[in-house]
Amino acid sequence: MRDSDKTIGNLIDKAGVSMISSVDEDGFPNTKAMLPPRKREGIKHIFFTTNTSSMRVKQYIDNPKACVYFFDKRFFKGVMLRGVMEVLKDSASKKMIWKAGDEMYYPKGVTDPDYCVLRFTAQSGRYYSNFKSENFEVE
Protein backbone atom coordinates (compact mmCIF):
# COMPACT_ATOMS: atom_id res chain seq x y z
CA MET A 1 0.00 0.00 0.00
CA ARG A 2 1.44 3.33 -1.06
CA ASP A 3 0.23 5.70 1.64
CA SER A 4 -1.44 3.71 4.40
CA ASP A 5 -2.08 6.80 6.55
CA LYS A 6 -4.03 8.48 3.76
CA THR A 7 -5.81 5.37 2.40
CA ILE A 8 -6.80 4.03 5.83
CA GLY A 9 -7.53 7.52 7.19
CA ASN A 10 -10.02 8.19 4.39
CA LEU A 11 -11.73 4.87 5.04
CA ILE A 12 -12.01 5.64 8.78
CA ASP A 13 -13.35 9.15 8.12
CA LYS A 14 -16.08 7.87 5.80
CA ALA A 15 -17.17 4.90 7.92
CA GLY A 16 -20.55 5.39 9.56
CA VAL A 17 -19.96 2.57 12.03
CA SER A 18 -16.89 1.46 13.97
CA MET A 19 -16.47 -2.06 15.26
CA ILE A 20 -14.35 -2.40 18.40
CA SER A 21 -13.23 -5.66 19.97
CA SER A 22 -12.00 -6.53 23.43
CA VAL A 23 -11.04 -9.76 25.18
CA ASP A 24 -13.27 -11.13 27.94
CA GLU A 25 -12.21 -12.88 31.16
CA ASP A 26 -12.36 -16.27 29.41
CA GLY A 27 -10.05 -15.11 26.59
CA PHE A 28 -12.78 -14.81 23.96
CA PRO A 29 -13.10 -11.82 21.62
CA ASN A 30 -16.08 -9.50 22.14
CA THR A 31 -17.08 -7.13 19.32
CA LYS A 32 -19.38 -4.13 19.50
CA ALA A 33 -20.62 -1.56 17.00
CA MET A 34 -19.82 2.03 17.95
CA LEU A 35 -20.34 5.48 16.55
CA PRO A 36 -17.46 6.76 14.38
CA PRO A 37 -14.35 7.93 16.23
CA ARG A 38 -14.40 11.43 17.67
CA LYS A 39 -10.81 12.14 16.79
CA ARG A 40 -7.82 10.47 15.24
CA GLU A 41 -4.14 11.25 15.03
CA GLY A 42 -3.16 9.64 11.75
CA ILE A 43 -4.11 6.00 12.06
CA LYS A 44 -1.92 5.49 15.14
CA HIS A 45 -4.30 6.96 17.75
CA ILE A 46 -8.09 6.78 17.49
CA PHE A 47 -10.47 8.18 20.14
CA PHE A 48 -13.99 7.04 21.05
CA THR A 49 -16.48 8.00 23.75
CA THR A 50 -18.23 5.46 25.97
CA ASN A 51 -19.81 4.84 29.34
CA THR A 52 -17.38 4.22 32.19
CA SER A 53 -19.85 1.65 33.54
CA SER A 54 -19.81 -0.42 30.34
CA MET A 55 -18.67 -4.03 30.18
CA ARG A 56 -16.17 -3.06 27.48
CA VAL A 57 -14.36 -0.58 29.78
CA LYS A 58 -13.84 -3.28 32.41
CA GLN A 59 -12.50 -5.65 29.74
CA TYR A 60 -10.02 -3.05 28.44
CA ILE A 61 -8.82 -2.30 31.98
CA ASP A 62 -8.30 -6.03 32.61
CA ASN A 63 -6.72 -6.70 29.19
CA PRO A 64 -5.86 -3.76 26.90
CA LYS A 65 -5.47 -5.89 23.75
CA ALA A 66 -7.91 -4.55 21.19
CA CYS A 67 -8.94 -4.49 17.60
CA VAL A 68 -10.94 -1.94 15.63
CA TYR A 69 -12.53 -2.48 12.23
CA PHE A 70 -13.78 0.03 9.69
CA PHE A 71 -15.44 -0.78 6.37
CA ASP A 72 -16.87 0.74 3.24
CA LYS A 73 -19.81 -1.45 2.25
CA ARG A 74 -20.29 0.34 -1.07
CA PHE A 75 -16.83 -0.58 -2.40
CA PHE A 76 -16.37 -3.66 -0.18
CA LYS A 77 -13.19 -2.41 1.48
CA GLY A 78 -12.17 -2.77 5.09
CA VAL A 79 -9.35 -2.37 7.54
CA MET A 80 -8.62 -4.14 10.79
CA LEU A 81 -6.25 -2.40 13.17
CA ARG A 82 -4.67 -4.32 16.07
CA GLY A 83 -3.29 -2.67 19.17
CA VAL A 84 -4.19 -1.60 22.67
CA MET A 85 -7.05 0.40 24.16
CA GLU A 86 -6.62 2.77 27.09
CA VAL A 87 -9.48 4.02 29.24
CA LEU A 88 -8.97 7.76 29.88
CA LYS A 89 -10.94 9.48 32.63
CA ASP A 90 -8.90 12.68 32.98
CA SER A 91 -10.54 16.05 32.41
CA ALA A 92 -8.32 17.08 29.48
CA SER A 93 -9.09 13.92 27.47
CA LYS A 94 -12.81 14.19 28.18
CA LYS A 95 -12.93 17.85 27.13
CA MET A 96 -10.86 17.14 24.01
CA ILE A 97 -13.56 15.06 22.34
CA TRP A 98 -16.73 16.37 24.02
CA LYS A 99 -19.41 17.62 21.60
CA ALA A 100 -22.57 19.63 22.09
CA GLY A 101 -25.42 17.16 22.43
CA ASP A 102 -23.39 14.59 24.38
CA GLU A 103 -25.59 15.41 27.37
CA MET A 104 -28.07 13.00 25.78
CA TYR A 105 -25.72 10.16 26.74
CA TYR A 106 -23.96 11.78 29.71
CA PRO A 107 -26.55 13.95 31.52
CA LYS A 108 -24.04 15.43 33.98
CA GLY A 109 -21.97 16.88 31.14
CA VAL A 110 -18.26 16.60 30.49
CA THR A 111 -17.62 15.87 34.19
CA ASP A 112 -20.13 12.98 34.27
CA PRO A 113 -18.38 10.09 36.05
CA ASP A 114 -20.04 7.69 33.57
CA TYR A 115 -18.31 9.40 30.62
CA CYS A 116 -14.84 8.34 29.55
CA VAL A 117 -12.60 8.25 26.50
CA LEU A 118 -11.23 5.16 24.79
CA ARG A 119 -7.84 5.79 23.17
CA PHE A 120 -6.83 3.10 20.71
CA THR A 121 -3.17 2.85 19.73
CA ALA A 122 -2.64 0.84 16.55
CA GLN A 123 0.39 -1.39 16.13
CA SER A 124 -0.44 -3.24 12.92
CA GLY A 125 -3.27 -3.78 10.48
CA ARG A 126 -4.74 -5.70 7.61
CA TYR A 127 -6.38 -3.91 4.67
CA TYR A 128 -8.83 -5.55 2.26
CA SER A 129 -9.61 -4.10 -1.17
CA ASN A 130 -10.10 -5.41 -4.71
CA PHE A 131 -10.22 -9.05 -3.58
CA LYS A 132 -6.81 -8.81 -1.91
CA SER A 133 -5.63 -8.45 1.68
CA GLU A 134 -2.43 -6.78 2.80
CA ASN A 135 -0.75 -6.67 6.21
CA PHE A 136 1.03 -3.52 7.35
CA GLU A 137 2.73 -2.05 10.41
CA VAL A 138 1.62 1.25 11.93
CA GLU A 139 4.47 3.65 12.61
C-alpha atoms as a PDB file:
ATOM      1  CA  MET A   1       0.000   0.000   0.000  1.00  0.00           C
ATOM      2  CA  ARG A   2       1.444   3.331  -1.058  1.00  0.00           C
ATOM      3  CA  ASP A   3       0.228   5.699   1.641  1.00  0.00           C
ATOM      4  CA  SER A   4      -1.441   3.711   4.404  1.00  0.00           C
ATOM      5  CA  ASP A   5      -2.083   6.797   6.551  1.00  0.00           C
ATOM      6  CA  LYS A   6      -4.031   8.481   3.760  1.00  0.00           C
ATOM      7  CA  THR A   7      -5.815   5.373   2.403  1.00  0.00           C
ATOM      8  CA  ILE A   8      -6.803   4.031   5.831  1.00  0.00           C
ATOM      9  CA  GLY A   9      -7.528   7.517   7.190  1.00  0.00           C
ATOM     10  CA  ASN A  10     -10.015   8.190   4.387  1.00  0.00           C
ATOM     11  CA  LEU A  11     -11.735   4.870   5.038  1.00  0.00           C
ATOM     12  CA  ILE A  12     -12.014   5.638   8.777  1.00  0.00           C
ATOM     13  CA  ASP A  13     -13.349   9.151   8.122  1.00  0.00           C
ATOM     14  CA  LYS A  14     -16.081   7.874   5.796  1.00  0.00           C
ATOM     15  CA  ALA A  15     -17.174   4.898   7.925  1.00  0.00           C
ATOM     16  CA  GLY A  16     -20.547   5.393   9.564  1.00  0.00           C
ATOM     17  CA  VAL A  17     -19.962   2.569  12.027  1.00  0.00           C
ATOM     18  CA  SER A  18     -16.892   1.461  13.967  1.00  0.00           C
ATOM     19  CA  MET A  19     -16.465  -2.060  15.258  1.00  0.00           C
ATOM     20  CA  ILE A  20     -14.350  -2.403  18.398  1.00  0.00           C
ATOM     21  CA  SER A  21     -13.226  -5.657  19.970  1.00  0.00           C
ATOM     22  CA  SER A  22     -12.000  -6.532  23.433  1.00  0.00           C
ATOM     23  CA  VAL A  23     -11.036  -9.764  25.177  1.00  0.00           C
ATOM     24  CA  ASP A  24     -13.267 -11.134  27.942  1.00  0.00           C
ATOM     25  CA  GLU A  25     -12.212 -12.876  31.164  1.00  0.00           C
ATOM     26  CA  ASP A  26     -12.360 -16.274  29.408  1.00  0.00           C
ATOM     27  CA  GLY A  27     -10.051 -15.108  26.590  1.00  0.00           C
ATOM     28  CA  PHE A  28     -12.776 -14.806  23.957  1.00  0.00           C
ATOM     29  CA  PRO A  29     -13.101 -11.822  21.617  1.00  0.00           C
ATOM     30  CA  ASN A  30     -16.080  -9.503  22.139  1.00  0.00           C
ATOM     31  CA  THR A  31     -17.083  -7.126  19.322  1.00  0.00           C
ATOM     32  CA  LYS A  32     -19.382  -4.133  19.504  1.00  0.00           C
ATOM     33  CA  ALA A  33     -20.618  -1.560  17.003  1.00  0.00           C
ATOM     34  CA  MET A  34     -19.823   2.031  17.953  1.00  0.00           C
ATOM     35  CA  LEU A  35     -20.344   5.482  16.546  1.00  0.00           C
ATOM     36  CA  PRO A  36     -17.465   6.763  14.385  1.00  0.00           C
ATOM     37  CA  PRO A  37     -14.351   7.929  16.232  1.00  0.00           C
ATOM     38  CA  ARG A  38     -14.401  11.431  17.671  1.00  0.00           C
ATOM     39  CA  LYS A  39     -10.807  12.141  16.787  1.00  0.00           C
ATOM     40  CA  ARG A  40      -7.821  10.467  15.237  1.00  0.00           C
ATOM     41  CA  GLU A  41      -4.140  11.254  15.026  1.00  0.00           C
ATOM     42  CA  GLY A  42      -3.158   9.643  11.749  1.00  0.00           C
ATOM     43  CA  ILE A  43      -4.112   6.002  12.065  1.00  0.00           C
ATOM     44  CA  LYS A  44      -1.917   5.487  15.144  1.00  0.00           C
ATOM     45  CA  HIS A  45      -4.299   6.960  17.747  1.00  0.00           C
ATOM     46  CA  ILE A  46      -8.095   6.784  17.491  1.00  0.00           C
ATOM     47  CA  PHE A  47     -10.469   8.184  20.144  1.00  0.00           C
ATOM     48  CA  PHE A  48     -13.992   7.041  21.049  1.00  0.00           C
ATOM     49  CA  THR A  49     -16.485   7.995  23.754  1.00  0.00           C
ATOM     50  CA  THR A  50     -18.230   5.458  25.966  1.00  0.00           C
ATOM     51  CA  ASN A  51     -19.806   4.842  29.339  1.00  0.00           C
ATOM     52  CA  THR A  52     -17.377   4.216  32.190  1.00  0.00           C
ATOM     53  CA  SER A  53     -19.847   1.650  33.545  1.00  0.00           C
ATOM     54  CA  SER A  54     -19.812  -0.419  30.339  1.00  0.00           C
ATOM     55  CA  MET A  55     -18.666  -4.026  30.182  1.00  0.00           C
ATOM     56  CA  ARG A  56     -16.165  -3.058  27.483  1.00  0.00           C
ATOM     57  CA  VAL A  57     -14.359  -0.579  29.783  1.00  0.00           C
ATOM     58  CA  LYS A  58     -13.842  -3.284  32.411  1.00  0.00           C
ATOM     59  CA  GLN A  59     -12.502  -5.646  29.739  1.00  0.00           C
ATOM     60  CA  TYR A  60     -10.018  -3.050  28.444  1.00  0.00           C
ATOM     61  CA  ILE A  61      -8.825  -2.303  31.975  1.00  0.00           C
ATOM     62  CA  ASP A  62      -8.302  -6.031  32.610  1.00  0.00           C
ATOM     63  CA  ASN A  63      -6.725  -6.699  29.186  1.00  0.00           C
ATOM     64  CA  PRO A  64      -5.865  -3.755  26.900  1.00  0.00           C
ATOM     65  CA  LYS A  65      -5.467  -5.888  23.747  1.00  0.00           C
ATOM     66  CA  ALA A  66      -7.913  -4.545  21.193  1.00  0.00           C
ATOM     67  CA  CYS A  67      -8.942  -4.489  17.596  1.00  0.00           C
ATOM     68  CA  VAL A  68     -10.940  -1.935  15.628  1.00  0.00           C
ATOM     69  CA  TYR A  69     -12.527  -2.481  12.225  1.00  0.00           C
ATOM     70  CA  PHE A  70     -13.785   0.028   9.687  1.00  0.00           C
ATOM     71  CA  PHE A  71     -15.438  -0.777   6.370  1.00  0.00           C
ATOM     72  CA  ASP A  72     -16.871   0.742   3.239  1.00  0.00           C
ATOM     73  CA  LYS A  73     -19.809  -1.454   2.247  1.00  0.00           C
ATOM     74  CA  ARG A  74     -20.287   0.336  -1.072  1.00  0.00           C
ATOM     75  CA  PHE A  75     -16.831  -0.577  -2.399  1.00  0.00           C
ATOM     76  CA  PHE A  76     -16.372  -3.655  -0.178  1.00  0.00           C
ATOM     77  CA  LYS A  77     -13.185  -2.414   1.483  1.00  0.00           C
ATOM     78  CA  GLY A  78     -12.171  -2.773   5.090  1.00  0.00           C
ATOM     79  CA  VAL A  79      -9.348  -2.369   7.542  1.00  0.00           C
ATOM     80  CA  MET A  80      -8.620  -4.139  10.792  1.00  0.00           C
ATOM     81  CA  LEU A  81      -6.247  -2.397  13.174  1.00  0.00           C
ATOM     82  CA  ARG A  82      -4.665  -4.323  16.072  1.00  0.00           C
ATOM     83  CA  GLY A  83      -3.290  -2.667  19.166  1.00  0.00           C
ATOM     84  CA  VAL A  84      -4.187  -1.599  22.673  1.00  0.00           C
ATOM     85  CA  MET A  85      -7.054   0.395  24.156  1.00  0.00           C
ATOM     86  CA  GLU A  86      -6.618   2.766  27.087  1.00  0.00           C
ATOM     87  CA  VAL A  87      -9.475   4.024  29.235  1.00  0.00           C
ATOM     88  CA  LEU A  88      -8.968   7.756  29.879  1.00  0.00           C
ATOM     89  CA  LYS A  89     -10.938   9.475  32.630  1.00  0.00           C
ATOM     90  CA  ASP A  90      -8.903  12.678  32.980  1.00  0.00           C
ATOM     91  CA  SER A  91     -10.541  16.046  32.409  1.00  0.00           C
ATOM     92  CA  ALA A  92      -8.316  17.082  29.480  1.00  0.00           C
ATOM     93  CA  SER A  93      -9.092  13.921  27.474  1.00  0.00           C
ATOM     94  CA  LYS A  94     -12.807  14.186  28.181  1.00  0.00           C
ATOM     95  CA  LYS A  95     -12.932  17.854  27.132  1.00  0.00           C
ATOM     96  CA  MET A  96     -10.856  17.139  24.013  1.00  0.00           C
ATOM     97  CA  ILE A  97     -13.563  15.056  22.341  1.00  0.00           C
ATOM     98  CA  TRP A  98     -16.735  16.371  24.016  1.00  0.00           C
ATOM     99  CA  LYS A  99     -19.407  17.625  21.603  1.00  0.00           C
ATOM    100  CA  ALA A 100     -22.572  19.633  22.091  1.00  0.00           C
ATOM    101  CA  GLY A 101     -25.419  17.158  22.434  1.00  0.00           C
ATOM    102  CA  ASP A 102     -23.389  14.588  24.375  1.00  0.00           C
ATOM    103  CA  GLU A 103     -25.594  15.410  27.372  1.00  0.00           C
ATOM    104  CA  MET A 104     -28.073  13.004  25.776  1.00  0.00           C
ATOM    105  CA  TYR A 105     -25.716  10.156  26.740  1.00  0.00           C
ATOM    106  CA  TYR A 106     -23.959  11.781  29.705  1.00  0.00           C
ATOM    107  CA  PRO A 107     -26.550  13.954  31.519  1.00  0.00           C
ATOM    108  CA  LYS A 108     -24.035  15.431  33.978  1.00  0.00           C
ATOM    109  CA  GLY A 109     -21.970  16.882  31.141  1.00  0.00           C
ATOM    110  CA  VAL A 110     -18.259  16.600  30.494  1.00  0.00           C
ATOM    111  CA  THR A 111     -17.621  15.871  34.191  1.00  0.00           C
ATOM    112  CA  ASP A 112     -20.127  12.980  34.267  1.00  0.00           C
ATOM    113  CA  PRO A 113     -18.377  10.090  36.047  1.00  0.00           C
ATOM    114  CA  ASP A 114     -20.043   7.693  33.569  1.00  0.00           C
ATOM    115  CA  TYR A 115     -18.313   9.398  30.620  1.00  0.00           C
ATOM    116  CA  CYS A 116     -14.836   8.339  29.546  1.00  0.00           C
ATOM    117  CA  VAL A 117     -12.599   8.249  26.502  1.00  0.00           C
ATOM    118  CA  LEU A 118     -11.233   5.161  24.794  1.00  0.00           C
ATOM    119  CA  ARG A 119      -7.845   5.787  23.171  1.00  0.00           C
ATOM    120  CA  PHE A 120      -6.831   3.103  20.708  1.00  0.00           C
ATOM    121  CA  THR A 121      -3.167   2.850  19.731  1.00  0.00           C
ATOM    122  CA  ALA A 122      -2.642   0.843  16.548  1.00  0.00           C
ATOM    123  CA  GLN A 123       0.390  -1.390  16.129  1.00  0.00           C
ATOM    124  CA  SER A 124      -0.441  -3.243  12.919  1.00  0.00           C
ATOM    125  CA  GLY A 125      -3.269  -3.784  10.484  1.00  0.00           C
ATOM    126  CA  ARG A 126      -4.743  -5.704   7.606  1.00  0.00           C
ATOM    127  CA  TYR A 127      -6.378  -3.907   4.673  1.00  0.00           C
ATOM    128  CA  TYR A 128      -8.830  -5.554   2.262  1.00  0.00           C
ATOM    129  CA  SER A 129      -9.614  -4.098  -1.166  1.00  0.00           C
ATOM    130  CA  ASN A 130     -10.104  -5.411  -4.710  1.00  0.00           C
ATOM    131  CA  PHE A 131     -10.223  -9.052  -3.578  1.00  0.00           C
ATOM    132  CA  LYS A 132      -6.810  -8.807  -1.905  1.00  0.00           C
ATOM    133  CA  SER A 133      -5.626  -8.450   1.685  1.00  0.00           C
ATOM    134  CA  GLU A 134      -2.434  -6.778   2.796  1.00  0.00           C
ATOM    135  CA  ASN A 135      -0.750  -6.672   6.213  1.00  0.00           C
ATOM    136  CA  PHE A 136       1.032  -3.517   7.352  1.00  0.00           C
ATOM    137  CA  GLU A 137       2.734  -2.046  10.407  1.00  0.00           C
ATOM    138  CA  VAL A 138       1.618   1.247  11.929  1.00  0.00           C
ATOM    139  CA  GLU A 139       4.467   3.648  12.606  1.00  0.00           C
END
